[in-house]
N, C-alpha and C. Protein backbone atom coordinates (compact mmCIF):
# COMPACT_ATOMS: atom_id res chain seq x y z
N PHE A 1 20.74 6.35 30.78
CA PHE A 1 22.12 6.35 30.20
C PHE A 1 22.04 4.68 30.18
N PHE A 2 22.34 4.31 29.32
CA PHE A 2 22.60 3.18 29.37
C PHE A 2 24.42 2.86 29.24
N ILE A 3 24.96 1.84 30.15
CA ILE A 3 26.40 1.24 29.76
C ILE A 3 26.76 0.83 29.02
N THR A 4 25.87 0.10 28.70
CA THR A 4 26.25 -1.16 27.67
C THR A 4 25.64 -0.42 26.21
N GLY A 5 25.22 0.60 25.93
CA GLY A 5 24.86 1.36 24.82
C GLY A 5 23.22 0.90 24.82
N HIS A 6 22.87 2.05 24.06
CA HIS A 6 21.37 2.06 23.87
C HIS A 6 20.05 0.64 23.06
N PRO A 7 19.77 0.29 24.05
CA PRO A 7 18.67 -0.78 23.80
C PRO A 7 18.43 -0.56 22.03
N LEU A 8 18.00 0.40 21.59
CA LEU A 8 17.78 0.46 20.78
C LEU A 8 18.43 0.12 19.23
N GLU A 9 20.23 0.53 19.53
CA GLU A 9 21.04 0.50 18.59
C GLU A 9 20.41 -0.85 17.80
N ARG A 10 20.16 -2.13 18.26
CA ARG A 10 20.08 -3.34 17.37
C ARG A 10 18.57 -3.47 16.44
N TYR A 11 17.89 -2.14 16.62
CA TYR A 11 16.88 -2.14 16.10
C TYR A 11 16.95 -0.68 14.89
N ARG A 12 17.99 -0.36 14.87
CA ARG A 12 18.52 0.86 14.13
C ARG A 12 17.66 0.59 12.85
N GLU A 13 18.15 -0.51 11.73
CA GLU A 13 17.78 -0.87 10.62
C GLU A 13 16.36 -1.11 10.13
N LYS A 14 15.44 -1.92 11.32
CA LYS A 14 14.19 -2.09 11.38
C LYS A 14 12.86 -0.67 11.44
N LEU A 15 14.00 0.41 12.38
CA LEU A 15 13.20 1.22 12.72
C LEU A 15 13.34 2.49 11.21
N GLU A 16 14.55 2.10 10.32
CA GLU A 16 14.61 2.82 9.13
C GLU A 16 13.27 2.53 7.96
N ASP A 17 13.02 1.08 7.99
CA ASP A 17 12.18 0.66 7.52
C ASP A 17 10.97 0.66 7.84
N LEU A 18 10.69 1.02 8.89
CA LEU A 18 9.54 1.25 9.48
C LEU A 18 8.88 2.72 9.23
N ARG A 19 10.29 3.71 8.65
CA ARG A 19 10.39 4.79 8.74
C ARG A 19 9.81 5.90 9.97
N ALA A 20 10.33 5.17 11.20
CA ALA A 20 10.01 5.90 12.15
C ALA A 20 10.62 6.94 12.74
N LEU A 21 9.91 8.39 13.13
CA LEU A 21 10.76 9.72 13.69
C LEU A 21 11.33 9.07 14.86
N SER A 22 12.42 10.00 14.74
CA SER A 22 13.26 10.29 16.20
C SER A 22 12.27 11.45 16.92
N THR A 23 13.06 10.80 18.50
CA THR A 23 12.12 11.78 19.14
C THR A 23 12.83 13.47 19.06
N ALA A 24 13.98 13.68 18.76
CA ALA A 24 14.65 14.63 18.13
C ALA A 24 13.31 15.62 17.12
N GLU A 25 13.47 14.40 15.94
CA GLU A 25 12.33 14.86 14.55
C GLU A 25 10.75 15.57 15.20
N LEU A 26 10.18 14.83 16.32
CA LEU A 26 9.21 14.99 17.23
C LEU A 26 9.09 16.29 18.29
N ALA A 27 9.97 16.46 18.61
CA ALA A 27 10.24 17.82 19.43
C ALA A 27 10.26 19.20 18.34
N ALA A 28 10.76 18.72 17.58
CA ALA A 28 11.57 20.05 16.41
C ALA A 28 10.13 20.59 15.91
N MET A 29 8.69 19.59 15.50
CA MET A 29 7.61 19.89 14.87
C MET A 29 6.81 21.36 15.71
N LYS A 30 6.65 21.42 14.60
CA LYS A 30 5.43 23.43 14.90
C LYS A 30 4.80 23.64 15.08
N SER A 31 3.67 22.35 14.70
CA SER A 31 2.26 22.22 15.27
C SER A 31 1.75 21.15 15.23
N SER A 32 0.76 21.12 16.20
CA SER A 32 0.05 19.89 16.39
C SER A 32 -0.35 19.10 15.39
N THR A 33 -0.42 17.63 15.53
CA THR A 33 -0.52 17.19 14.08
C THR A 33 -2.35 16.69 14.73
N GLY A 34 -3.16 16.25 13.48
CA GLY A 34 -4.14 16.38 12.92
C GLY A 34 -5.18 15.42 13.73
N LYS A 35 -6.22 15.19 14.11
CA LYS A 35 -7.03 14.59 14.89
C LYS A 35 -6.86 13.28 14.07
N ASP A 36 -7.08 12.50 12.94
CA ASP A 36 -6.82 11.57 12.06
C ASP A 36 -5.19 11.31 12.18
N GLU A 37 -4.12 12.06 12.41
CA GLU A 37 -3.15 12.01 11.62
C GLU A 37 -2.52 11.32 12.98
N SER A 38 -1.56 9.82 12.05
CA SER A 38 -0.90 9.34 13.48
C SER A 38 0.69 9.18 12.79
N LEU A 39 1.35 9.39 13.55
CA LEU A 39 2.98 9.53 13.38
C LEU A 39 3.50 7.96 13.94
N THR A 40 5.02 7.65 13.69
CA THR A 40 5.27 6.50 14.38
C THR A 40 6.68 7.15 14.98
N THR A 41 6.88 6.90 16.23
CA THR A 41 8.31 6.29 16.52
C THR A 41 8.41 5.45 17.82
N ALA A 42 9.82 5.11 18.33
CA ALA A 42 10.16 4.43 18.94
C ALA A 42 11.00 4.96 20.00
N GLY A 43 11.23 3.66 21.35
CA GLY A 43 11.93 4.42 22.33
C GLY A 43 12.44 3.00 23.23
N ILE A 44 12.46 3.51 24.72
CA ILE A 44 12.21 3.18 26.03
C ILE A 44 11.32 4.34 26.71
N ILE A 45 10.11 3.66 27.48
CA ILE A 45 9.76 4.25 28.22
C ILE A 45 10.25 4.54 29.61
N THR A 46 10.64 6.01 29.94
CA THR A 46 11.11 6.20 31.58
C THR A 46 10.30 7.07 31.96
N ASN A 47 10.50 7.06 33.30
CA ASN A 47 9.67 7.89 34.25
C ASN A 47 7.88 8.13 34.07
N LEU A 48 8.22 7.00 34.52
CA LEU A 48 6.48 6.30 34.25
C LEU A 48 5.55 6.85 35.59
N ARG A 49 5.06 7.60 35.61
CA ARG A 49 3.83 8.34 36.16
C ARG A 49 2.46 7.77 35.93
N VAL A 50 1.38 7.07 36.94
CA VAL A 50 0.42 6.99 36.86
C VAL A 50 -0.65 7.94 37.39
N LEU A 51 -1.46 8.90 37.05
CA LEU A 51 -1.91 9.79 37.70
C LEU A 51 -3.75 9.63 37.73
N LYS A 52 -4.35 10.23 38.20
CA LYS A 52 -5.85 10.01 38.22
C LYS A 52 -6.79 11.32 38.06
N SER A 53 -7.37 11.62 37.14
CA SER A 53 -7.90 12.99 36.59
C SER A 53 -8.99 13.58 37.62
N LYS A 54 -9.52 14.57 37.31
CA LYS A 54 -10.57 15.08 38.71
C LYS A 54 -11.72 13.78 38.08
N ARG A 55 -11.67 13.79 36.78
CA ARG A 55 -13.12 12.39 36.83
C ARG A 55 -12.97 11.33 37.46
N GLY A 56 -11.80 10.74 37.74
CA GLY A 56 -11.41 10.08 38.72
C GLY A 56 -10.81 8.49 37.87
N ASP A 57 -10.86 8.90 36.70
CA ASP A 57 -9.82 7.95 35.43
C ASP A 57 -8.66 8.51 35.11
N PHE A 58 -7.95 6.93 35.55
CA PHE A 58 -6.11 6.85 34.94
C PHE A 58 -5.88 7.69 33.85
N TYR A 59 -4.73 8.15 34.15
CA TYR A 59 -3.79 8.20 32.70
C TYR A 59 -2.07 8.24 33.10
N ALA A 60 -1.39 8.69 31.93
CA ALA A 60 -0.15 8.22 32.16
C ALA A 60 0.60 9.20 32.00
N GLN A 61 1.59 10.00 32.35
CA GLN A 61 2.89 10.54 32.29
C GLN A 61 4.32 10.04 31.74
N ALA A 62 4.97 9.90 30.69
CA ALA A 62 6.25 9.31 30.88
C ALA A 62 7.11 10.39 29.95
N ALA A 63 8.38 9.40 29.86
CA ALA A 63 9.31 10.19 28.92
C ALA A 63 9.59 8.70 27.58
N LEU A 64 9.66 9.07 26.16
CA LEU A 64 10.15 8.11 25.68
C LEU A 64 11.70 8.63 25.11
N GLU A 65 12.52 7.93 25.64
CA GLU A 65 13.99 7.93 25.15
C GLU A 65 14.43 6.88 23.96
N ASP A 66 15.10 7.90 22.52
CA ASP A 66 15.83 6.89 21.65
C ASP A 66 17.14 7.95 21.71
N LEU A 67 17.93 7.51 20.39
CA LEU A 67 19.22 7.42 20.19
C LEU A 67 19.60 9.03 20.13
N SER A 68 18.38 9.57 19.87
CA SER A 68 18.63 11.16 19.63
C SER A 68 18.00 11.92 21.04
N GLY A 69 17.33 11.28 21.83
CA GLY A 69 17.14 12.53 23.18
C GLY A 69 15.85 11.54 23.75
N SER A 70 15.07 12.62 24.42
CA SER A 70 13.92 12.37 24.56
C SER A 70 13.06 12.93 24.40
N ILE A 71 11.39 12.53 24.68
CA ILE A 71 9.75 13.52 24.50
C ILE A 71 9.52 12.82 25.41
N GLU A 72 8.66 14.24 25.93
CA GLU A 72 7.25 13.64 27.14
C GLU A 72 6.24 13.03 26.49
N MET A 73 5.54 12.09 26.87
CA MET A 73 4.74 11.15 26.10
C MET A 73 3.40 11.29 27.33
N LEU A 74 2.46 11.83 26.73
CA LEU A 74 1.01 11.05 27.54
C LEU A 74 0.02 10.35 27.12
N VAL A 75 -0.40 9.62 27.75
CA VAL A 75 -1.29 8.54 27.63
C VAL A 75 -2.83 8.70 28.05
N PHE A 76 -3.71 9.16 27.26
CA PHE A 76 -5.15 10.07 27.92
C PHE A 76 -5.91 8.39 28.54
N PRO A 77 -6.88 8.92 29.12
CA PRO A 77 -7.33 7.91 30.32
C PRO A 77 -8.16 6.75 29.02
N ASP A 78 -8.39 7.33 27.72
CA ASP A 78 -9.15 6.27 26.81
C ASP A 78 -8.37 5.25 26.39
N ALA A 79 -7.15 5.53 25.98
CA ALA A 79 -5.98 4.97 25.69
C ALA A 79 -5.46 4.26 26.59
N PHE A 80 -5.24 4.76 28.19
CA PHE A 80 -4.91 4.21 28.97
C PHE A 80 -5.55 2.59 29.43
N LYS A 81 -6.62 2.71 29.38
CA LYS A 81 -7.31 1.35 29.56
C LYS A 81 -6.87 0.29 28.67
N LYS A 82 -6.39 0.23 27.85
CA LYS A 82 -6.11 -0.06 26.57
C LYS A 82 -4.63 -0.86 26.90
N LEU A 83 -3.98 -0.03 27.55
CA LEU A 83 -2.53 0.26 27.33
C LEU A 83 -1.34 0.06 28.91
N HIS A 84 -2.61 0.05 29.58
CA HIS A 84 -1.86 0.11 31.05
C HIS A 84 -0.86 -0.72 31.59
N ASP A 85 -1.21 -2.07 30.59
CA ASP A 85 0.02 -2.71 30.86
C ASP A 85 1.13 -2.67 30.13
N LYS A 86 0.69 -1.97 29.09
CA LYS A 86 1.96 -2.02 27.61
C LYS A 86 2.66 -0.24 28.28
N VAL A 87 2.56 0.68 29.01
CA VAL A 87 3.25 2.04 29.18
C VAL A 87 4.49 1.03 30.54
N LYS A 88 3.81 -0.49 31.29
CA LYS A 88 5.03 -0.49 32.02
C LYS A 88 6.36 -1.34 31.49
N MET A 89 6.12 -1.83 29.91
CA MET A 89 7.35 -2.08 29.32
C MET A 89 8.70 -1.72 29.75
N GLU A 90 9.35 -2.53 29.87
CA GLU A 90 11.10 -1.91 29.78
C GLU A 90 12.04 -2.48 29.18
N VAL A 91 11.28 -2.67 27.47
CA VAL A 91 11.78 -3.14 26.12
C VAL A 91 11.54 -1.67 25.32
N PRO A 92 12.70 -1.65 24.37
CA PRO A 92 11.93 -1.19 23.15
C PRO A 92 10.81 -0.94 23.24
N VAL A 93 10.28 -0.15 22.44
CA VAL A 93 8.70 -0.38 21.94
C VAL A 93 8.54 1.04 20.88
N LEU A 94 7.34 0.55 19.73
CA LEU A 94 7.09 0.93 18.64
C LEU A 94 5.88 1.92 19.55
N VAL A 95 5.76 3.34 19.37
CA VAL A 95 4.48 4.26 19.66
C VAL A 95 3.78 4.83 18.52
N ARG A 96 2.66 4.71 18.54
CA ARG A 96 2.49 5.34 17.67
C ARG A 96 1.22 6.09 18.17
N GLY A 97 1.13 7.72 17.87
CA GLY A 97 0.53 8.63 17.97
C GLY A 97 -0.01 9.65 17.39
N GLY A 98 -0.24 10.91 18.27
CA GLY A 98 -0.33 12.48 17.47
C GLY A 98 0.90 13.00 18.50
N VAL A 99 1.39 14.48 17.98
CA VAL A 99 2.16 15.50 18.76
C VAL A 99 1.23 16.53 18.80
N ARG A 100 0.89 16.91 19.92
CA ARG A 100 0.93 18.18 20.63
C ARG A 100 1.82 19.09 21.08
N ILE A 101 1.40 20.28 20.71
CA ILE A 101 1.86 21.56 21.25
C ILE A 101 1.06 22.76 21.67
N GLU A 102 1.22 22.78 22.89
CA GLU A 102 0.86 23.76 23.43
C GLU A 102 2.05 25.11 23.71
N GLU A 103 1.06 26.21 23.44
CA GLU A 103 2.15 27.76 23.75
C GLU A 103 2.42 27.84 24.91
N GLY A 104 4.20 28.00 24.39
CA GLY A 104 4.94 27.52 25.97
C GLY A 104 5.83 26.67 26.28
N ALA A 105 4.96 25.67 25.55
CA ALA A 105 5.45 24.07 26.31
C ALA A 105 6.31 23.50 25.32
N ASN A 106 7.14 22.56 25.37
CA ASN A 106 7.75 21.49 24.18
C ASN A 106 6.49 20.39 24.32
N PRO A 107 6.78 20.12 22.89
CA PRO A 107 5.88 19.42 22.26
C PRO A 107 5.97 18.04 22.67
N LYS A 108 4.41 17.48 22.72
CA LYS A 108 4.18 16.30 23.57
C LYS A 108 3.72 14.93 22.67
N LEU A 109 4.28 14.08 22.93
CA LEU A 109 3.61 12.74 22.37
C LEU A 109 2.75 12.33 22.77
N THR A 110 1.00 12.08 22.38
CA THR A 110 0.11 11.55 22.50
C THR A 110 -0.11 10.44 21.96
N VAL A 111 -0.35 9.07 22.86
CA VAL A 111 -0.35 7.67 22.98
C VAL A 111 -1.41 7.08 22.05
N ASN A 112 -1.67 6.54 21.03
CA ASN A 112 -2.56 5.56 20.59
C ASN A 112 -2.44 4.10 20.73
N ASP A 113 -1.31 4.19 20.65
CA ASP A 113 -1.05 2.64 20.58
C ASP A 113 1.01 1.96 21.29
N ILE A 114 1.06 0.98 21.65
CA ILE A 114 2.55 0.85 22.15
C ILE A 114 2.40 -1.15 21.57
N ILE A 115 3.61 -1.26 21.06
CA ILE A 115 4.15 -2.57 20.40
C ILE A 115 5.51 -2.66 21.11
N SER A 116 5.52 -3.79 21.53
CA SER A 116 7.46 -4.40 21.58
C SER A 116 7.69 -4.18 20.72
N LEU A 117 9.15 -4.02 20.41
CA LEU A 117 9.66 -3.42 18.90
C LEU A 117 9.88 -5.03 18.31
N GLU A 118 10.13 -6.08 19.11
CA GLU A 118 10.88 -6.94 18.99
C GLU A 118 9.37 -8.22 18.43
N ASP A 119 8.27 -7.45 18.33
CA ASP A 119 6.98 -7.85 17.95
C ASP A 119 6.43 -7.17 16.80
N VAL A 120 7.01 -6.20 16.66
CA VAL A 120 6.68 -5.18 15.06
C VAL A 120 7.48 -6.22 13.54
N LYS A 121 5.87 -6.35 13.07
CA LYS A 121 7.06 -6.96 11.54
C LYS A 121 6.88 -5.88 10.46
N VAL A 122 8.13 -5.74 9.47
CA VAL A 122 8.24 -4.62 8.95
C VAL A 122 7.17 -5.25 7.45
N PRO A 123 5.93 -4.60 7.06
CA PRO A 123 5.68 -4.96 5.96
C PRO A 123 6.81 -4.96 4.83
N LEU A 124 6.61 -5.87 4.10
CA LEU A 124 7.56 -6.05 2.73
C LEU A 124 6.90 -5.74 1.30
N PRO A 125 7.53 -5.07 0.54
CA PRO A 125 6.87 -5.02 -0.96
C PRO A 125 6.46 -6.09 -1.52
N LYS A 126 5.37 -6.09 -2.61
CA LYS A 126 4.67 -7.07 -2.83
C LYS A 126 5.60 -7.45 -4.28
N SER A 127 5.76 -6.60 -5.00
CA SER A 127 6.87 -6.73 -5.99
C SER A 127 8.01 -5.70 -6.59
N LEU A 128 8.72 -6.33 -6.91
CA LEU A 128 10.39 -5.08 -6.94
C LEU A 128 10.35 -5.26 -8.64
N ARG A 129 11.24 -4.12 -9.06
CA ARG A 129 11.72 -4.22 -10.91
C ARG A 129 13.54 -3.77 -10.08
N ILE A 130 13.94 -4.98 -10.94
CA ILE A 130 15.45 -5.20 -10.68
C ILE A 130 15.91 -4.62 -12.12
N ARG A 131 16.79 -3.67 -12.22
CA ARG A 131 17.76 -2.98 -13.01
C ARG A 131 18.78 -4.04 -13.76
N VAL A 132 18.75 -4.69 -14.75
CA VAL A 132 20.13 -6.00 -14.85
C VAL A 132 20.75 -4.78 -16.33
N PRO A 133 22.05 -3.97 -15.89
CA PRO A 133 22.96 -3.49 -17.14
C PRO A 133 23.55 -4.40 -17.81
N LEU A 134 23.59 -4.64 -19.26
CA LEU A 134 24.24 -5.81 -19.83
C LEU A 134 25.66 -5.65 -19.93
N GLU A 135 25.78 -4.35 -19.64
CA GLU A 135 27.74 -3.83 -20.28
C GLU A 135 28.36 -4.65 -18.91
N LYS A 136 27.58 -4.49 -17.74
CA LYS A 136 28.35 -4.87 -16.54
C LYS A 136 27.76 -6.35 -15.94
N ALA A 137 27.00 -6.70 -16.87
CA ALA A 137 26.48 -8.57 -16.03
C ALA A 137 27.12 -9.41 -16.83
N SER A 138 27.41 -10.64 -16.08
CA SER A 138 27.76 -11.90 -16.63
C SER A 138 27.21 -13.00 -16.83
N GLU A 139 27.48 -13.91 -16.80
CA GLU A 139 27.00 -15.07 -16.40
C GLU A 139 27.01 -16.07 -15.39
N ASN A 140 27.69 -15.24 -14.56
CA ASN A 140 27.95 -15.59 -13.23
C ASN A 140 26.89 -14.37 -12.62
N THR A 141 26.74 -13.32 -12.80
CA THR A 141 25.63 -12.31 -12.51
C THR A 141 24.32 -13.31 -12.64
N VAL A 142 23.83 -13.79 -13.69
CA VAL A 142 22.78 -14.60 -13.50
C VAL A 142 22.66 -15.61 -12.94
N ASP A 143 23.85 -16.47 -12.24
CA ASP A 143 23.91 -17.57 -11.67
C ASP A 143 23.61 -17.40 -9.96
N GLU A 144 24.00 -15.96 -10.15
CA GLU A 144 24.20 -15.86 -8.17
C GLU A 144 22.81 -15.40 -8.26
N LEU A 145 22.32 -14.44 -8.68
CA LEU A 145 20.74 -14.23 -8.86
C LEU A 145 20.00 -15.09 -8.89
N HIS A 146 19.82 -16.44 -9.69
CA HIS A 146 19.31 -17.52 -9.59
C HIS A 146 19.36 -18.15 -8.15
N PHE A 147 20.49 -18.45 -7.76
CA PHE A 147 20.83 -18.99 -6.54
C PHE A 147 20.15 -18.11 -5.49
N LEU A 148 20.19 -16.89 -5.52
CA LEU A 148 19.41 -16.08 -4.52
C LEU A 148 18.34 -15.78 -4.08
N PHE A 149 17.61 -16.30 -5.52
CA PHE A 149 16.11 -16.50 -5.78
C PHE A 149 15.36 -17.60 -4.89
N SER A 150 16.77 -18.70 -5.42
CA SER A 150 16.15 -19.84 -5.17
C SER A 150 16.28 -20.00 -3.57
N GLN A 151 17.12 -18.78 -2.70
CA GLN A 151 17.80 -19.24 -1.34
C GLN A 151 16.30 -18.44 -0.75
N ARG A 152 15.90 -17.67 -1.20
CA ARG A 152 14.74 -16.19 -0.42
C ARG A 152 13.57 -16.11 -1.00
N LYS A 153 12.98 -17.16 -0.72
CA LYS A 153 11.20 -17.40 -1.62
C LYS A 153 11.08 -16.74 -0.89
N GLY A 154 9.65 -16.37 -1.09
CA GLY A 154 8.61 -15.60 -0.86
C GLY A 154 7.66 -15.08 -1.47
N ASP A 155 6.68 -14.09 -1.28
CA ASP A 155 5.28 -13.69 -2.29
C ASP A 155 5.87 -12.87 -3.10
N ALA A 156 6.97 -12.17 -3.27
CA ALA A 156 7.01 -11.03 -3.78
C ALA A 156 7.29 -10.97 -5.55
N LYS A 157 6.40 -10.52 -6.24
CA LYS A 157 7.11 -10.34 -8.03
C LYS A 157 8.23 -9.92 -8.30
N VAL A 158 8.82 -10.75 -9.27
CA VAL A 158 9.90 -9.79 -9.72
C VAL A 158 9.68 -9.60 -11.02
N LEU A 159 9.95 -8.08 -11.36
CA LEU A 159 10.56 -7.56 -13.32
C LEU A 159 11.66 -7.95 -13.50
N PHE A 160 12.03 -7.87 -14.05
CA PHE A 160 14.17 -7.54 -14.42
C PHE A 160 13.58 -6.55 -15.72
N ASP A 161 14.37 -5.43 -15.85
CA ASP A 161 14.53 -4.37 -17.15
C ASP A 161 15.84 -4.56 -17.55
N VAL A 162 16.19 -5.58 -18.25
CA VAL A 162 17.14 -5.76 -19.00
C VAL A 162 17.86 -4.58 -19.89
N GLU A 163 18.70 -4.25 -19.90
CA GLU A 163 18.89 -2.80 -20.45
C GLU A 163 20.75 -2.93 -21.09
N ARG A 164 20.72 -2.70 -22.36
CA ARG A 164 22.07 -2.10 -22.77
C ARG A 164 22.22 -0.54 -23.11
N GLU A 165 22.79 0.22 -22.18
CA GLU A 165 22.66 2.09 -22.12
C GLU A 165 23.00 2.13 -23.57
N GLY A 166 21.86 3.51 -23.59
CA GLY A 166 21.75 4.19 -24.92
C GLY A 166 21.66 3.28 -25.92
N ASP A 167 20.97 2.02 -25.87
CA ASP A 167 20.26 1.29 -27.22
C ASP A 167 18.92 0.30 -26.88
N PHE A 168 18.48 -0.37 -25.77
CA PHE A 168 17.50 -0.79 -25.61
C PHE A 168 17.05 -1.46 -23.90
N MET A 169 15.71 -1.69 -23.78
CA MET A 169 15.72 -2.27 -22.56
C MET A 169 14.40 -2.77 -23.08
N VAL A 170 14.28 -4.55 -22.44
CA VAL A 170 13.48 -5.55 -22.19
C VAL A 170 12.61 -5.52 -20.91
N VAL A 171 11.67 -5.68 -20.36
CA VAL A 171 11.13 -5.63 -19.71
C VAL A 171 10.33 -7.12 -19.59
N MET A 172 10.85 -8.04 -18.53
CA MET A 172 11.03 -9.40 -18.34
C MET A 172 10.46 -9.86 -16.83
N GLU A 173 9.32 -10.76 -17.20
CA GLU A 173 8.94 -11.02 -15.50
C GLU A 173 9.35 -12.30 -15.38
N ALA A 174 10.23 -12.62 -13.85
CA ALA A 174 10.69 -13.84 -13.70
C ALA A 174 9.88 -14.77 -12.59
N GLU A 175 9.49 -15.68 -13.84
CA GLU A 175 8.35 -16.58 -13.81
C GLU A 175 8.75 -17.95 -12.55
N GLY A 176 7.96 -17.84 -11.53
CA GLY A 176 8.32 -19.17 -10.84
C GLY A 176 9.25 -18.66 -9.74
N TYR A 177 9.50 -17.12 -9.72
CA TYR A 177 10.78 -16.90 -8.74
C TYR A 177 10.00 -15.81 -8.11
N ASN A 178 8.87 -16.27 -7.00
CA ASN A 178 8.82 -15.47 -6.13
C ASN A 178 9.58 -14.83 -4.75
N VAL A 179 9.70 -14.38 -4.13
CA VAL A 179 11.31 -14.09 -3.54
C VAL A 179 10.38 -13.17 -2.14
N LEU A 180 11.46 -13.23 -1.07
CA LEU A 180 11.07 -12.36 0.30
C LEU A 180 12.16 -11.52 0.19
N PRO A 181 11.30 -10.24 -0.18
CA PRO A 181 12.23 -9.05 -0.54
C PRO A 181 12.99 -8.08 0.59
N ASP A 182 13.16 -8.60 1.57
CA ASP A 182 14.04 -7.91 3.13
C ASP A 182 15.25 -6.85 2.87
N ARG A 183 15.92 -6.39 3.41
CA ARG A 183 16.23 -5.50 3.48
C ARG A 183 18.07 -6.31 2.63
N SER A 184 18.15 -7.74 3.58
CA SER A 184 19.57 -8.47 3.18
C SER A 184 19.60 -8.62 2.07
N PHE A 185 18.04 -8.93 1.40
CA PHE A 185 18.24 -9.52 -0.23
C PHE A 185 18.41 -8.46 -1.25
N ILE A 186 17.93 -7.06 -0.48
CA ILE A 186 17.83 -6.21 -1.89
C ILE A 186 19.39 -5.85 -1.87
N GLY A 187 19.92 -5.68 -0.15
CA GLY A 187 21.29 -5.42 -0.85
C GLY A 187 22.70 -6.43 -1.46
N ARG A 188 21.97 -7.59 -1.24
CA ARG A 188 22.97 -8.76 -2.01
C ARG A 188 22.42 -8.63 -4.00
N VAL A 189 21.11 -7.96 -4.43
CA VAL A 189 20.77 -7.95 -5.27
C VAL A 189 21.56 -6.67 -6.04
N GLU A 190 21.67 -5.34 -5.06
CA GLU A 190 22.47 -4.23 -5.45
C GLU A 190 24.41 -4.52 -5.57
N GLU A 191 24.80 -5.29 -4.77
CA GLU A 191 25.91 -5.60 -5.09
C GLU A 191 26.19 -6.70 -6.31
N LEU A 192 25.24 -7.23 -6.87
CA LEU A 192 25.20 -7.86 -7.98
C LEU A 192 25.16 -7.07 -9.46
N CYS A 193 24.14 -6.59 -9.02
CA CYS A 193 23.77 -5.33 -10.09
C CYS A 193 24.01 -3.99 -10.15
N GLY A 194 24.33 -3.46 -9.10
CA GLY A 194 24.91 -1.79 -9.19
C GLY A 194 23.66 -1.46 -7.60
N ARG A 195 24.10 -0.43 -7.43
CA ARG A 195 23.48 0.65 -6.20
C ARG A 195 22.27 1.24 -6.67
N GLY A 196 20.89 0.99 -6.51
CA GLY A 196 20.08 1.94 -6.89
C GLY A 196 19.26 0.55 -8.24
N ALA A 197 19.83 -0.45 -8.59
CA ALA A 197 18.93 -1.53 -9.18
C ALA A 197 17.56 -1.92 -8.97
N VAL A 198 17.74 -2.03 -7.70
CA VAL A 198 16.15 -2.33 -7.10
C VAL A 198 15.09 -1.18 -6.96
N ARG A 199 14.04 -1.60 -7.69
CA ARG A 199 12.70 -0.12 -7.02
C ARG A 199 11.80 -0.87 -6.86
N VAL A 200 11.30 -0.51 -5.63
CA VAL A 200 10.19 -1.18 -5.04
C VAL A 200 8.92 -0.64 -5.62
N ILE A 201 8.14 -1.62 -6.53
CA ILE A 201 6.62 -1.04 -6.90
C ILE A 201 5.43 -0.41 -5.75
N ASP A 202 5.75 -1.88 -5.30
CA ASP A 202 4.43 -1.52 -4.10
C ASP A 202 4.63 -2.64 -2.70
């Protein structure tokens, strides 16, 4: 319980961009993940217990708590060897791993990797298509886009789909305008060109 609000609140948009699953979604799973299948979730590690197996190897049990609830997590010996410091982090973390479901028990998160959420970089698209409907566009729209592109330089290419509804569409590449296509950039373009105007190519 956090008096000042859950520490994950400030990462809500980042978690959406990373397509991280909530602990509630993990807890609702009906079957275990495959050996090579990896899921991404995030939260605060609580109730940490470091234990020793019969073979003498250390492993950890804990809970991962997020905005939707919590799930039990297990860090098996092989993973614990590389993550023994990270399981002790008291900051929001991104966790990659699988889900293990045993008969009569709640799903458990089996951990392969832990990274501080602050350090996680959201992969950005390499190119975008922006639909510009001529019936809604004005000289001001073009000027605003030009200004935005000059302010938000990056590596992503931009293609324009210039269209008049029911008439024609022209595809143009914005040469010399590579942009940084983060959430705020896409939001501003959609303010200018309409909701759904931006399509990520890759």
